[in-house]
């Protein structure tokens, strides 16, 4: 019987690695969301209009979609220790540069590049998957994801205070710049701390790497075609972002640049398809032995599950303060912000709870129940109006958010159990689908009212719950991995 996770046992290399890694994720999310709490100061200092503010918000998630895919491949090749170190160091530099831009165009470009930091999540998924046994991995990944994800709330709660303190010390109107700069400095310092204090695997364990790079390996021809289909939404989401910036909407891109970006996205998809074929062409002539196969449908279902869990979280967090402000008469902006911030607090217990539920009661059963609860939660939120007591509205919101974030934990309790040497790539693709969900849901919100927005999320979750019930297989038995010397090692995943 596996020992329980004792978070206070700092003599354990496993527990220390968990703490160092969730805090690395916390810092990456802190940087990713350090702009939103200071947006009013940035808007006033840079004399931005609402159109430009919306552009900055869109750009803050744009690069995260392809970067999670790329970083997922790199972490499988180079290891999470090096990749988290590099990501924090580079993001810290970009954060400092962003803080001192003096034109909107430069500010927008740096924010677009800084969205790269959102890829940090997938690195830790591989690290935690290496260090924790299958009976604990759901809870451990939940702690990593939930506590690290709290970095967005940490930024909302602390960075305005830091800016005020700097202003009182003589920073004046430039205090927002120094507050953002400091968060970048923290990331740079912690990148060295992380590199010194962690290893990719426990002593004596092998770090399995993909046999080929450039695309994810699949093991049957049908999985090859499913892989190509599942890549399409990643490019579709970027096309939607381009459309939002086009002359038909915000007008920040000319028709020429809009058409050019569309063409580039098509060309990249074709180029990626070529690499997918190059990596997997042998499966059409030489069937992969059964012992080495995995089912790509597992990856596809997890992608969709994260689409409606993390995707809806990002979308709802973006609109929740304004939703409360517009729904309840007399509510102040500060009160609406505080109530909305409480949505993220649930992450501290809900995401680990989802992982624990998955470890204890089964991966598939946990996902079905949690996505079903998510759907019910959003249907209840669609009923909230000005006649409700504020406290009841908050309770319903917290009820919904618990299932959203517990569902995220349940998704990533399965990811490390599909194919160990490709955990980074699988986590990258799954994480990217979360951002795709955010783009699609927020685009939907731009056309409908809040009630319909919540109903759309709830309905889509119901569809995905059915797909999970039909197509997801409970991980059982063992997976086979090939050691560097060519021998096969069996890893328990049951």
Protein backbone atom coordinates (compact mmCIF):
# COMPACT_ATOMS: atom_id res chain seq x y z
CA UNK A 1 0.00 0.00 0.00
CA UNK A 2 1.36 3.43 -1.00
CA UNK A 3 2.20 5.89 1.76
CA UNK A 4 0.15 9.05 1.90
CA UNK A 5 1.58 12.33 0.65
CA UNK A 6 2.96 14.21 3.67
CA UNK A 7 3.51 17.77 2.48
CA UNK A 8 5.48 18.61 5.63
CA UNK A 9 8.06 15.86 5.18
CA UNK A 10 10.76 18.08 3.75
CA UNK A 11 13.35 15.34 4.21
CA UNK A 12 11.72 13.56 1.28
CA UNK A 13 13.22 14.40 -2.12
CA UNK A 14 9.80 13.72 -3.64
CA UNK A 15 8.02 16.26 -1.42
CA UNK A 16 10.74 18.90 -1.86
CA UNK A 17 10.51 18.47 -5.63
CA UNK A 18 6.73 18.96 -5.45
CA UNK A 19 7.10 22.18 -3.44
CA UNK A 20 9.85 23.61 -5.64
CA UNK A 21 7.82 22.79 -8.77
CA UNK A 22 4.43 24.13 -7.72
CA UNK A 23 6.11 27.36 -6.68
CA UNK A 24 7.80 27.61 -10.08
CA UNK A 25 4.33 27.29 -11.63
CA UNK A 26 2.99 29.87 -9.16
CA UNK A 27 5.61 32.38 -10.31
CA UNK A 28 4.90 31.68 -13.98
CA UNK A 29 1.17 32.34 -13.44
CA UNK A 30 1.96 35.41 -11.32
CA UNK A 31 3.90 36.88 -14.25
CA UNK A 32 1.30 35.78 -16.81
CA UNK A 33 -1.45 37.64 -14.96
CA UNK A 34 0.54 40.56 -13.49
CA UNK A 35 -0.87 42.98 -16.08
CA UNK A 36 -4.58 42.66 -15.27
CA UNK A 37 -4.52 44.14 -11.71
CA UNK A 38 -2.57 47.18 -12.97
CA UNK A 39 -4.49 47.67 -16.22
CA UNK A 40 -6.08 50.92 -15.02
CA UNK A 41 -2.64 52.37 -14.23
CA UNK A 42 -1.21 51.13 -17.52
CA UNK A 43 -4.18 52.56 -19.43
CA UNK A 44 -3.82 55.97 -17.82
CA UNK A 45 -0.04 56.14 -18.06
CA UNK A 46 0.04 55.05 -21.72
CA UNK A 47 -3.20 56.89 -22.64
CA UNK A 48 -4.73 53.71 -24.06
CA UNK A 49 -8.28 53.44 -25.38
CA UNK A 50 -10.57 50.46 -24.70
CA UNK A 51 -9.76 48.93 -28.06
CA UNK A 52 -6.07 48.86 -27.19
CA UNK A 53 -6.79 47.42 -23.74
CA UNK A 54 -8.75 44.57 -25.35
CA UNK A 55 -5.87 43.90 -27.71
CA UNK A 56 -3.45 43.53 -24.79
CA UNK A 57 -5.83 41.04 -23.14
CA UNK A 58 -6.09 39.00 -26.34
CA UNK A 59 -2.34 39.02 -26.91
CA UNK A 60 -1.79 37.83 -23.34
CA UNK A 61 -3.17 34.38 -24.26
CA UNK A 62 -2.32 34.14 -27.97
CA UNK A 63 1.21 32.73 -27.90
CA UNK A 64 0.39 30.31 -25.08
CA UNK A 65 -1.38 27.94 -27.49
CA UNK A 66 1.59 27.11 -29.76
CA UNK A 67 4.15 27.54 -26.97
CA UNK A 68 2.54 24.80 -24.85
CA UNK A 69 2.87 22.42 -27.79
CA UNK A 70 6.51 23.38 -28.40
CA UNK A 71 7.52 23.36 -24.74
CA UNK A 72 5.80 19.99 -24.29
CA UNK A 73 8.07 18.51 -26.96
CA UNK A 74 11.18 20.20 -25.55
CA UNK A 75 10.55 19.03 -21.99
CA UNK A 76 10.38 15.41 -23.15
CA UNK A 77 13.71 15.88 -24.94
CA UNK A 78 15.69 18.01 -22.45
CA UNK A 79 13.94 17.38 -19.13
CA UNK A 80 11.78 19.57 -16.86
CA UNK A 81 14.66 20.87 -14.73
CA UNK A 82 16.37 22.65 -17.62
CA UNK A 83 13.11 23.71 -19.25
CA UNK A 84 11.59 25.31 -16.13
CA UNK A 85 14.89 27.08 -15.46
CA UNK A 86 14.98 28.48 -19.01
CA UNK A 87 11.30 29.41 -19.04
CA UNK A 88 11.49 31.37 -15.77
CA UNK A 89 14.73 33.11 -16.75
CA UNK A 90 13.56 34.12 -20.24
CA UNK A 91 10.11 35.16 -18.98
CA UNK A 92 11.68 37.27 -16.24
CA UNK A 93 13.74 39.13 -18.86
CA UNK A 94 10.68 39.64 -21.09
CA UNK A 95 8.68 40.86 -18.08
CA UNK A 96 11.29 43.51 -17.25
CA UNK A 97 11.45 44.66 -20.88
CA UNK A 98 7.63 44.85 -21.00
CA UNK A 99 7.57 47.05 -17.92
CA UNK A 100 9.59 49.82 -19.55
CA UNK A 101 8.05 50.08 -23.02
CA UNK A 102 6.92 53.59 -23.94
CA UNK A 103 4.61 53.00 -26.91
CA UNK A 104 1.52 50.85 -27.34
CA UNK A 105 3.03 48.93 -30.25
CA UNK A 106 6.09 47.90 -28.22
CA UNK A 107 3.95 47.16 -25.19
CA UNK A 108 1.71 44.90 -27.30
CA UNK A 109 4.65 43.07 -28.86
CA UNK A 110 6.25 42.35 -25.50
CA UNK A 111 2.94 41.17 -24.03
CA UNK A 112 2.51 38.83 -26.98
CA UNK A 113 5.97 37.35 -26.36
CA UNK A 114 5.40 37.19 -22.61
CA UNK A 115 2.39 34.89 -23.15
CA UNK A 116 5.10 32.24 -23.61
CA UNK A 117 5.24 31.99 -19.80
CA UNK A 118 1.83 30.27 -19.83
CA UNK A 119 3.59 27.16 -21.15
CA UNK A 120 5.21 26.59 -17.76
CA UNK A 121 2.32 24.41 -16.65
CA UNK A 122 3.18 21.50 -18.94
CA UNK A 123 6.76 21.30 -17.65
CA UNK A 124 5.72 20.51 -14.09
CA UNK A 125 3.25 17.87 -15.25
CA UNK A 126 6.19 15.80 -16.54
CA UNK A 127 8.28 16.51 -13.42
CA UNK A 128 5.55 15.43 -10.99
CA UNK A 129 4.72 12.41 -13.15
CA UNK A 130 8.35 11.27 -12.84
CA UNK A 131 8.50 11.62 -9.06
CA UNK A 132 5.17 10.22 -7.83
CA UNK A 133 3.77 6.67 -8.13
CA UNK A 134 0.53 6.05 -9.99
CA UNK A 135 -1.55 5.83 -6.80
CA UNK A 136 -0.44 9.32 -5.74
CA UNK A 137 0.06 11.07 -9.06
CA UNK A 138 -3.48 12.49 -9.28
CA UNK A 139 -3.26 14.21 -5.90
CA UNK A 140 0.31 15.35 -6.54
CA UNK A 141 -0.56 16.81 -9.96
CA UNK A 142 -3.61 18.45 -8.36
CA UNK A 143 -1.48 20.12 -5.70
CA UNK A 144 0.97 21.25 -8.36
CA UNK A 145 -1.74 22.63 -10.63
CA UNK A 146 -4.04 24.05 -7.95
CA UNK A 147 -1.43 25.76 -5.81
CA UNK A 148 0.52 26.98 -8.82
CA UNK A 149 -2.60 28.23 -10.57
CA UNK A 150 -3.23 30.36 -7.48
CA UNK A 151 -0.49 32.62 -8.85
CA UNK A 152 -3.15 34.50 -10.84
CA UNK A 153 -5.03 35.31 -7.63
CA UNK A 154 -1.73 36.08 -5.92
CA UNK A 155 -1.02 38.70 -8.56
CA UNK A 156 -4.50 40.21 -8.22
CA UNK A 157 -4.18 40.43 -4.44
CA UNK A 158 -0.58 41.62 -4.06
CA UNK A 159 0.75 43.43 -7.10
CA UNK A 160 -1.49 46.53 -6.69
CA UNK A 161 -0.29 46.77 -3.08
CA UNK A 162 3.32 46.56 -4.25
CA UNK A 163 2.65 49.36 -6.72
CA UNK A 164 1.08 51.52 -3.98
CA UNK A 165 4.07 50.96 -1.69
CA UNK A 166 6.47 51.89 -4.48
CA UNK A 167 4.40 55.00 -5.25
CA UNK A 168 4.51 56.06 -1.58
CA UNK A 169 8.29 55.61 -1.65
CA UNK A 170 8.61 58.06 -4.52
CA UNK A 171 7.79 55.90 -7.54
CA UNK A 172 4.93 58.16 -8.58
CA UNK A 173 3.05 57.37 -11.78
CA UNK A 174 5.78 54.93 -12.81
CA UNK A 175 5.15 52.65 -9.82
CA UNK A 176 3.29 50.10 -11.98
CA UNK A 177 6.43 49.64 -14.05
CA UNK A 178 8.58 48.87 -11.01
CA UNK A 179 5.97 46.47 -9.58
CA UNK A 180 5.95 44.47 -12.83
CA UNK A 181 9.74 44.66 -13.04
CA UNK A 182 10.08 43.19 -9.53
CA UNK A 183 7.99 40.16 -10.46
CA UNK A 184 10.35 39.58 -13.39
CA UNK A 185 13.37 39.81 -11.08
CA UNK A 186 11.82 37.21 -8.76
CA UNK A 187 11.39 34.82 -11.71
CA UNK A 188 15.04 35.24 -12.72
CA UNK A 189 16.30 34.56 -9.18
CA UNK A 190 14.02 31.55 -8.75
CA UNK A 191 15.17 30.04 -12.05
CA UNK A 192 18.60 29.51 -10.47
CA UNK A 193 17.08 28.24 -7.20
CA UNK A 194 15.03 25.69 -9.13
CA UNK A 195 17.99 24.46 -11.19
CA UNK A 196 20.12 23.93 -8.07
CA UNK A 197 17.51 22.11 -6.00
CA UNK A 198 15.71 19.60 -8.27
CA UNK A 199 16.47 16.58 -10.46
CA UNK A 200 14.47 15.22 -13.39
CA UNK A 201 13.94 11.82 -11.77
CA UNK A 202 14.49 10.05 -8.45
CA UNK A 203 17.89 8.40 -8.03
CA UNK A 204 18.10 5.20 -10.02
CA UNK A 205 15.17 6.05 -12.32
CA UNK A 206 15.44 6.42 -16.08
CA UNK A 207 14.22 9.53 -17.88
CA UNK A 208 12.44 8.16 -20.95
CA UNK A 209 12.69 10.29 -24.08
CA UNK A 210 10.69 10.13 -27.33
CA UNK A 211 12.24 7.98 -30.05
CA UNK A 212 11.64 10.77 -32.56
CA UNK A 213 11.14 14.52 -32.29
CA UNK A 214 9.14 17.05 -34.30
CA UNK A 215 5.69 15.59 -33.64
CA UNK A 216 3.92 13.21 -31.28
CA UNK A 217 4.34 9.52 -31.98
CA UNK A 218 1.17 7.50 -32.60
CA UNK A 219 0.91 3.76 -32.93
CA UNK A 220 -1.86 2.99 -35.47
CA UNK A 221 -2.96 4.53 -38.80
CA UNK A 222 -6.37 5.48 -37.36
CA UNK A 223 -4.63 7.34 -34.53
CA UNK A 224 -2.52 9.16 -37.15
CA UNK A 225 -5.63 10.61 -38.78
CA UNK A 226 -7.24 11.43 -35.43
CA UNK A 227 -4.06 13.29 -34.45
CA UNK A 228 -4.31 15.44 -37.59
CA UNK A 229 -7.97 16.24 -36.83
CA UNK A 230 -7.20 17.19 -33.22
CA UNK A 231 -4.52 19.65 -34.38
CA UNK A 232 -7.07 21.70 -36.33
CA UNK A 233 -8.70 23.46 -33.31
CA UNK A 234 -5.29 24.77 -32.20
CA UNK A 235 -4.93 26.68 -35.47
CA UNK A 236 -8.61 27.56 -35.55
CA UNK A 237 -8.27 29.34 -32.19
CA UNK A 238 -5.34 31.40 -33.52
CA UNK A 239 -7.41 32.19 -36.60
CA UNK A 240 -10.23 33.42 -34.33
CA UNK A 241 -7.76 35.68 -32.50
CA UNK A 242 -6.61 37.05 -35.85
CA UNK A 243 -10.22 37.65 -36.85
CA UNK A 244 -10.79 39.58 -33.60
CA UNK A 245 -7.91 41.89 -34.54
CA UNK A 246 -9.00 42.19 -38.19
CA UNK A 247 -10.79 45.14 -39.85
CA UNK A 248 -14.08 43.25 -39.31
CA UNK A 249 -13.71 43.67 -35.52
CA UNK A 250 -11.09 45.66 -33.60
CA UNK A 251 -9.38 46.90 -36.74
CA UNK A 252 -5.83 46.57 -35.36
CA UNK A 253 -4.72 44.53 -38.37
CA UNK A 254 -5.03 45.57 -41.99
CA UNK A 255 -6.65 43.27 -44.53
CA UNK A 256 -3.18 42.48 -45.89
CA UNK A 257 -1.82 41.34 -42.52
CA UNK A 258 -5.02 39.47 -41.67
CA UNK A 259 -4.80 37.49 -44.92
CA UNK A 260 -1.07 36.96 -44.40
CA UNK A 261 -1.57 35.50 -40.90
CA UNK A 262 -4.34 33.21 -42.17
CA UNK A 263 -1.99 31.98 -44.90
CA UNK A 264 0.83 31.44 -42.40
CA UNK A 265 -1.45 29.39 -40.14
CA UNK A 266 -2.45 27.17 -43.06
CA UNK A 267 1.18 26.79 -44.11
CA UNK A 268 2.26 25.86 -40.57
CA UNK A 269 -0.51 23.28 -40.32
CA UNK A 270 0.61 21.72 -43.61
CA UNK A 271 4.22 21.80 -42.41
CA UNK A 272 3.25 20.16 -39.11
CA UNK A 273 1.25 17.52 -40.97
CA UNK A 274 4.39 16.69 -42.93
CA UNK A 275 6.34 16.26 -39.67
CA UNK A 276 3.58 14.11 -38.20
CA UNK A 277 3.87 11.87 -41.24
CA UNK A 278 7.69 11.87 -41.13
CA UNK A 279 7.71 10.77 -37.49
CA UNK A 280 4.95 8.16 -37.91
CA UNK A 281 5.27 6.88 -41.49
CA UNK A 282 6.60 3.50 -40.39
CA UNK A 283 3.28 2.54 -38.77
CA UNK A 284 1.71 2.20 -42.23
CA UNK A 285 4.16 -0.54 -43.26
CA UNK A 286 5.36 -1.99 -39.94
CA UNK A 287 2.63 -2.37 -37.30
CA UNK A 288 3.72 -1.35 -33.80
CA UNK A 289 3.86 -4.35 -31.42
CA UNK A 290 0.85 -4.45 -29.13
CA UNK A 291 2.97 -4.02 -26.01
CA UNK A 292 4.21 -0.61 -27.20
CA UNK A 293 0.85 0.76 -28.35
CA UNK A 294 -1.25 3.44 -26.71
CA UNK A 295 -4.62 4.80 -27.78
CA UNK A 296 -4.55 8.37 -29.07
CA UNK A 297 -8.28 8.62 -28.39
CA UNK A 298 -7.25 8.89 -24.71
CA UNK A 299 -5.34 12.06 -25.56
CA UNK A 300 -8.21 13.42 -27.67
CA UNK A 301 -10.78 12.93 -24.90
CA UNK A 302 -8.51 14.58 -22.33
CA UNK A 303 -8.03 17.50 -24.73
CA UNK A 304 -11.79 18.02 -24.90
CA UNK A 305 -12.20 17.63 -21.14
CA UNK A 306 -9.61 20.36 -20.54
CA UNK A 307 -11.29 22.48 -23.21
CA UNK A 308 -14.40 22.76 -21.03
CA UNK A 309 -12.68 22.80 -17.61
CA UNK A 310 -9.67 25.11 -17.85
CA UNK A 311 -11.09 26.82 -20.94
CA UNK A 312 -14.22 27.83 -19.06
CA UNK A 313 -12.16 28.89 -16.02
CA UNK A 314 -10.07 31.34 -18.08
CA UNK A 315 -13.17 32.68 -19.82
CA UNK A 316 -15.22 33.11 -16.63
CA UNK A 317 -12.35 34.71 -14.69
CA UNK A 318 -12.14 37.28 -17.49
CA UNK A 319 -15.80 38.32 -17.21
CA UNK A 320 -16.82 37.54 -13.62
CA UNK A 321 -16.05 40.93 -11.97
CA UNK A 322 -18.06 42.80 -14.59
CA UNK A 323 -20.84 40.19 -14.36
CA UNK A 324 -21.28 40.83 -10.64
CA UNK A 325 -20.99 44.58 -11.10
CA UNK A 326 -23.68 44.70 -13.79
CA UNK A 327 -26.02 42.19 -12.13
CA UNK A 328 -26.27 43.62 -8.60
CA UNK A 329 -27.22 47.25 -8.04
CA UNK A 330 -25.04 49.16 -5.65
CA UNK A 331 -22.09 46.77 -5.82
CA UNK A 332 -18.76 48.58 -6.04
CA UNK A 333 -15.96 47.66 -8.40
CA UNK A 334 -13.75 46.70 -5.45
CA UNK A 335 -16.42 44.38 -4.02
CA UNK A 336 -17.03 42.78 -7.41
CA UNK A 337 -13.30 42.20 -7.83
CA UNK A 338 -12.91 40.62 -4.40
CA UNK A 339 -15.88 38.30 -4.94
CA UNK A 340 -14.56 37.30 -8.36
CA UNK A 341 -11.07 36.68 -6.93
CA UNK A 342 -12.59 34.16 -4.53
CA UNK A 343 -13.27 32.00 -7.61
CA UNK A 344 -9.54 31.32 -7.84
CA UNK A 345 -9.22 30.51 -4.12
CA UNK A 346 -11.15 27.31 -4.73
CA UNK A 347 -8.14 26.09 -6.74
CA UNK A 348 -6.20 25.54 -3.52
CA UNK A 349 -8.41 22.60 -2.54
CA UNK A 350 -10.51 21.76 -5.60
CA UNK A 351 -7.78 20.79 -8.03
CA UNK A 352 -5.94 18.55 -5.51
CA UNK A 353 -9.38 17.23 -4.52
CA UNK A 354 -10.10 16.27 -8.12
CA UNK A 355 -6.77 14.45 -8.32
CA UNK A 356 -7.41 12.64 -5.04
CA UNK A 357 -10.93 11.70 -6.18
CA UNK A 358 -9.42 10.31 -9.37
CA UNK A 359 -6.75 8.33 -7.49
CA UNK A 360 -9.34 6.89 -5.11
CA UNK A 361 -12.44 6.17 -7.18
CA UNK A 362 -11.10 5.73 -10.71
CA UNK A 363 -9.98 8.09 -13.48
CA UNK A 364 -12.97 7.71 -15.79
CA UNK A 365 -15.65 7.77 -13.09
CA UNK A 366 -14.11 10.89 -11.54
CA UNK A 367 -14.09 12.77 -14.85
CA UNK A 368 -17.69 11.88 -15.66
CA UNK A 369 -18.94 13.01 -12.24
CA UNK A 370 -16.88 16.22 -12.15
CA UNK A 371 -17.73 17.34 -15.70
CA UNK A 372 -21.38 16.57 -14.95
CA UNK A 373 -21.15 18.77 -11.84
CA UNK A 374 -19.46 21.49 -13.91
CA UNK A 375 -22.34 21.43 -16.38
CA UNK A 376 -24.90 21.67 -13.58
CA UNK A 377 -22.95 24.53 -12.03
CA UNK A 378 -23.03 26.60 -15.20
CA UNK A 379 -26.72 25.92 -15.73
CA UNK A 380 -27.32 27.27 -12.20
CA UNK A 381 -25.14 30.32 -12.89
CA UNK A 382 -27.27 31.11 -15.93
CA UNK A 383 -30.20 31.62 -13.53
CA UNK A 384 -28.46 34.30 -11.43
CA UNK A 385 -30.15 37.71 -11.71
CA UNK A 386 -30.57 40.90 -9.68
CA UNK A 387 -33.33 39.30 -7.59
CA UNK A 388 -30.92 36.80 -6.04
CA UNK A 389 -29.24 37.46 -2.68
CA UNK A 390 -25.57 38.18 -3.38
CA UNK A 391 -24.50 35.48 -0.92
CA UNK A 392 -26.51 32.83 -2.78
CA UNK A 393 -24.99 33.93 -6.09
CA UNK A 394 -21.52 33.57 -4.58
CA UNK A 395 -22.34 30.09 -3.24
CA UNK A 396 -23.54 28.96 -6.68
CA UNK A 397 -20.42 30.40 -8.29
CA UNK A 398 -18.19 28.58 -5.79
CA UNK A 399 -20.17 25.36 -6.34
CA UNK A 400 -19.53 25.65 -10.06
CA UNK A 401 -15.87 26.60 -9.68
CA UNK A 402 -15.21 23.59 -7.44
CA UNK A 403 -16.26 21.18 -10.19
CA UNK A 404 -14.39 23.20 -12.84
CA UNK A 405 -11.10 23.04 -10.99
CA UNK A 406 -11.56 19.53 -9.63
CA UNK A 407 -12.19 18.48 -13.22
CA UNK A 408 -8.85 20.03 -14.21
CA UNK A 409 -7.15 17.98 -11.50
CA UNK A 410 -8.86 14.81 -12.71
CA UNK A 411 -7.75 15.42 -16.31
CA UNK A 412 -4.11 15.72 -15.35
CA UNK A 413 -4.25 12.70 -13.08
CA UNK A 414 -4.64 10.69 -16.29
CA UNK A 415 -2.10 12.49 -18.52
CA UNK A 416 1.05 10.91 -16.97
CA UNK A 417 -0.49 7.43 -17.23
CA UNK A 418 -0.85 7.27 -21.02
CA UNK A 419 2.77 7.10 -22.25
CA UNK A 420 5.54 8.15 -19.86
CA UNK A 421 8.14 9.25 -22.41
CA UNK A 422 5.59 11.51 -24.13
CA UNK A 423 4.02 13.02 -21.01
CA UNK A 424 5.30 16.51 -21.87
CA UNK A 425 3.84 16.40 -25.37
CA UNK A 426 0.51 15.04 -24.15
CA UNK A 427 0.39 17.65 -21.39
CA UNK A 428 1.30 20.37 -23.88
CA UNK A 429 -1.46 19.47 -26.28
CA UNK A 430 -4.00 19.07 -23.48
CA UNK A 431 -2.98 22.38 -21.92
CA UNK A 432 -3.20 24.13 -25.28
CA UNK A 433 -6.78 22.90 -25.66
CA UNK A 434 -7.59 24.72 -22.41
CA UNK A 435 -6.53 27.97 -24.06
CA UNK A 436 -8.50 27.04 -27.18
CA UNK A 437 -11.58 26.67 -24.97
CA UNK A 438 -10.98 30.11 -23.47
CA UNK A 439 -10.77 31.71 -26.92
CA UNK A 440 -13.92 29.98 -28.18
CA UNK A 441 -15.95 30.73 -25.05
CA UNK A 442 -14.84 34.38 -24.90
CA UNK A 443 -15.63 34.79 -28.60
CA UNK A 444 -19.08 33.35 -27.88
CA UNK A 445 -19.51 35.88 -25.06
CA UNK A 446 -18.90 38.71 -27.52
CA UNK A 447 -22.10 37.70 -29.37
CA UNK A 448 -24.47 36.67 -26.55
CA UNK A 449 -25.60 37.78 -23.10
CA UNK A 450 -24.23 36.35 -19.85
CA UNK A 451 -27.11 33.89 -19.40
CA UNK A 452 -26.58 32.35 -22.82
CA UNK A 453 -22.81 32.32 -22.27
CA UNK A 454 -23.19 30.13 -19.17
CA UNK A 455 -25.71 27.89 -20.95
CA UNK A 456 -23.32 27.36 -23.87
CA UNK A 457 -20.55 26.24 -21.50
CA UNK A 458 -22.94 23.94 -19.62
CA UNK A 459 -24.27 22.37 -22.82
CA UNK A 460 -20.80 21.83 -24.30
CA UNK A 461 -19.72 20.19 -21.03
CA UNK A 462 -22.65 17.77 -21.25
CA UNK A 463 -21.56 16.72 -24.74
CA UNK A 464 -17.98 16.24 -23.57
CA UNK A 465 -19.16 14.24 -20.53
CA UNK A 466 -20.90 11.81 -22.91
CA UNK A 467 -17.73 11.53 -25.01
CA UNK A 468 -15.70 10.76 -21.87
CA UNK A 469 -18.21 8.07 -20.90
CA UNK A 470 -18.07 6.45 -24.34
CA UNK A 471 -14.44 6.78 -25.41
CA UNK A 472 -12.16 7.15 -22.36
CA UNK A 473 -10.61 3.91 -21.15
CA UNK A 474 -9.63 3.48 -17.52
CA UNK A 475 -5.82 3.16 -17.33
CA UNK A 476 -5.09 -0.43 -16.32
CA UNK A 477 -2.13 -2.68 -15.79
CA UNK A 478 1.23 -1.47 -17.07
CA UNK A 479 2.82 0.56 -19.84
CA UNK A 480 5.97 -0.55 -21.64
CA UNK A 481 8.90 1.84 -22.09
CA UNK A 482 12.18 1.14 -23.88
CA UNK A 483 15.39 1.79 -21.94
CA UNK A 484 18.38 3.45 -23.67
CA UNK A 485 20.07 0.03 -23.98
CA UNK A 486 17.04 -1.35 -25.87
CA UNK A 487 15.55 -3.42 -23.07
CA UNK A 488 11.89 -2.98 -22.12
CA UNK A 489 10.76 -1.82 -18.68
CA UNK A 490 7.16 -2.21 -17.49
CA UNK A 491 5.69 0.69 -15.47
CA UNK A 492 2.61 0.26 -13.28
CA UNK A 493 -0.33 2.52 -14.20
CA UNK A 494 -3.23 0.54 -12.79
